[in-house]
Amino acid sequence: MKLIRFGASEQEKPGVHINGKNYDVSAFIYDYDESFFKADGLQQLSALVQKGNLPEIPLDVRIGSPIARPSKIVCMRLFLPSQLFL
């Protein structure tokens, strides 16, 4: 299961990608934002997906960024062994 957001830019709705198909979960999940992750949203989403009966999203619908308004972006640099002692 992968998190997706779909729809027009700045109006995306939450969905999931499972086995090559996209499903709409907007009737149950508001959005993938900080409050979703703080409230054990992934566990709730997993239970929802296991029940099934989610509407499928047509293939021609725009797919946007999976996370709404990330609060921070963490980047890490990979050091090669030859760069450690420069």
C-alpha atoms as a PDB file:
ATOM      1  CA  MET A   1       0.000   0.000   0.000  1.00  0.00           C
ATOM      2  CA  LYS A   2       1.308   3.422  -0.984  1.00  0.00           C
ATOM      3  CA  LEU A   3      -0.183   6.764  -0.011  1.00  0.00           C
ATOM      4  CA  ILE A   4      -1.322   8.949  -2.907  1.00  0.00           C
ATOM      5  CA  ARG A   5      -3.235  12.180  -3.324  1.00  0.00           C
ATOM      6  CA  PHE A   6      -5.231  12.756  -6.469  1.00  0.00           C
ATOM      7  CA  GLY A   7      -7.218  15.480  -8.211  1.00  0.00           C
ATOM      8  CA  ALA A   8      -6.654  19.027  -9.373  1.00  0.00           C
ATOM      9  CA  SER A   9      -3.666  20.944  -8.018  1.00  0.00           C
ATOM     10  CA  GLU A  10      -4.308  22.405  -4.547  1.00  0.00           C
ATOM     11  CA  GLN A  11      -7.539  20.319  -4.340  1.00  0.00           C
ATOM     12  CA  GLU A  12      -6.066  16.839  -3.939  1.00  0.00           C
ATOM     13  CA  LYS A  13      -7.898  14.112  -2.035  1.00  0.00           C
ATOM     14  CA  PRO A  14      -6.282  11.187  -0.198  1.00  0.00           C
ATOM     15  CA  GLY A  15      -6.090   7.753  -1.759  1.00  0.00           C
ATOM     16  CA  VAL A  16      -4.046   4.574  -1.750  1.00  0.00           C
ATOM     17  CA  HIS A  17      -2.207   2.635  -4.443  1.00  0.00           C
ATOM     18  CA  ILE A  18      -2.490  -1.144  -4.117  1.00  0.00           C
ATOM     19  CA  ASN A  19      -1.380  -3.723  -6.689  1.00  0.00           C
ATOM     20  CA  GLY A  20      -1.378  -1.278  -9.597  1.00  0.00           C
ATOM     21  CA  LYS A  21      -4.764   0.302  -8.809  1.00  0.00           C
ATOM     22  CA  ASN A  22      -5.612   3.583  -7.075  1.00  0.00           C
ATOM     23  CA  TYR A  23      -8.440   3.807  -4.548  1.00  0.00           C
ATOM     24  CA  ASP A  24     -10.225   6.805  -3.037  1.00  0.00           C
ATOM     25  CA  VAL A  25     -10.266   7.017   0.785  1.00  0.00           C
ATOM     26  CA  SER A  26     -11.456  10.637   1.037  1.00  0.00           C
ATOM     27  CA  ALA A  27     -14.806   9.577   2.499  1.00  0.00           C
ATOM     28  CA  PHE A  28     -12.930   8.291   5.579  1.00  0.00           C
ATOM     29  CA  ILE A  29      -9.644  10.235   5.733  1.00  0.00           C
ATOM     30  CA  TYR A  30      -9.481  14.047   5.601  1.00  0.00           C
ATOM     31  CA  ASP A  31      -5.906  14.303   4.306  1.00  0.00           C
ATOM     32  CA  TYR A  32      -2.398  12.981   4.856  1.00  0.00           C
ATOM     33  CA  ASP A  33      -1.108  15.769   7.093  1.00  0.00           C
ATOM     34  CA  GLU A  34       0.458  16.078  10.545  1.00  0.00           C
ATOM     35  CA  SER A  35      -2.777  15.356  12.386  1.00  0.00           C
ATOM     36  CA  PHE A  36      -3.280  12.151  10.370  1.00  0.00           C
ATOM     37  CA  PHE A  37       0.123  10.791  11.396  1.00  0.00           C
ATOM     38  CA  LYS A  38      -0.168  11.963  15.034  1.00  0.00           C
ATOM     39  CA  ALA A  39      -3.503  10.159  15.470  1.00  0.00           C
ATOM     40  CA  ASP A  40      -2.298   6.699  14.320  1.00  0.00           C
ATOM     41  CA  GLY A  41      -3.820   7.362  10.921  1.00  0.00           C
ATOM     42  CA  LEU A  42      -1.781   4.627   9.239  1.00  0.00           C
ATOM     43  CA  GLN A  43      -3.333   1.961  11.473  1.00  0.00           C
ATOM     44  CA  GLN A  44      -6.823   3.296  10.790  1.00  0.00           C
ATOM     45  CA  LEU A  45      -6.076   3.414   7.070  1.00  0.00           C
ATOM     46  CA  SER A  46      -4.764  -0.158   7.109  1.00  0.00           C
ATOM     47  CA  ALA A  47      -7.953  -1.382   8.787  1.00  0.00           C
ATOM     48  CA  LEU A  48     -10.032   0.527   6.254  1.00  0.00           C
ATOM     49  CA  VAL A  49      -8.150  -0.999   3.322  1.00  0.00           C
ATOM     50  CA  GLN A  50      -8.546  -4.516   4.723  1.00  0.00           C
ATOM     51  CA  LYS A  51     -12.331  -4.084   4.768  1.00  0.00           C
ATOM     52  CA  GLY A  52     -12.251  -3.335   1.021  1.00  0.00           C
ATOM     53  CA  ASN A  53     -15.113  -1.759  -0.943  1.00  0.00           C
ATOM     54  CA  LEU A  54     -13.142   1.397  -1.741  1.00  0.00           C
ATOM     55  CA  PRO A  55     -14.016   3.260  -4.949  1.00  0.00           C
ATOM     56  CA  GLU A  56     -11.397   2.921  -7.667  1.00  0.00           C
ATOM     57  CA  ILE A  57      -9.855   6.083  -9.118  1.00  0.00           C
ATOM     58  CA  PRO A  58      -9.768   6.273 -12.935  1.00  0.00           C
ATOM     59  CA  LEU A  59      -6.296   5.997 -14.479  1.00  0.00           C
ATOM     60  CA  ASP A  60      -6.487   9.418 -16.176  1.00  0.00           C
ATOM     61  CA  VAL A  61      -6.831  11.351 -12.886  1.00  0.00           C
ATOM     62  CA  ARG A  62      -3.841  13.502 -11.853  1.00  0.00           C
ATOM     63  CA  ILE A  63      -1.693  12.114  -8.998  1.00  0.00           C
ATOM     64  CA  GLY A  64      -0.108  14.744  -6.731  1.00  0.00           C
ATOM     65  CA  SER A  65       2.287  14.806  -3.800  1.00  0.00           C
ATOM     66  CA  PRO A  66       1.448  12.036  -1.292  1.00  0.00           C
ATOM     67  CA  ILE A  67       1.840  14.243   1.800  1.00  0.00           C
ATOM     68  CA  ALA A  68      -0.044  17.492   2.379  1.00  0.00           C
ATOM     69  CA  ARG A  69       2.005  20.376   3.816  1.00  0.00           C
ATOM     70  CA  PRO A  70       5.027  18.521   5.264  1.00  0.00           C
ATOM     71  CA  SER A  71       6.320  20.294   8.360  1.00  0.00           C
ATOM     72  CA  LYS A  72       9.944  19.444   7.704  1.00  0.00           C
ATOM     73  CA  ILE A  73      12.124  17.716   5.170  1.00  0.00           C
ATOM     74  CA  VAL A  74      15.136  15.802   6.455  1.00  0.00           C
ATOM     75  CA  CYS A  75      18.036  15.111   4.106  1.00  0.00           C
ATOM     76  CA  MET A  76      21.054  12.948   4.741  1.00  0.00           C
ATOM     77  CA  ARG A  77      24.279  12.766   2.815  1.00  0.00           C
ATOM     78  CA  LEU A  78      25.872   9.431   2.105  1.00  0.00           C
ATOM     79  CA  PHE A  79      29.621   9.461   2.695  1.00  0.00           C
ATOM     80  CA  LEU A  80      31.752   7.018   0.783  1.00  0.00           C
ATOM     81  CA  PRO A  81      34.613   5.400   2.744  1.00  0.00           C
ATOM     82  CA  SER A  82      37.161   7.364   0.697  1.00  0.00           C
ATOM     83  CA  GLN A  83      35.536  10.669   1.768  1.00  0.00           C
ATOM     84  CA  LEU A  84      35.629  10.054   5.518  1.00  0.00           C
ATOM     85  CA  PHE A  85      39.241  11.043   6.074  1.00  0.00           C
ATOM     86  CA  LEU A  86      39.629  14.044   3.772  1.00  0.00           C
END
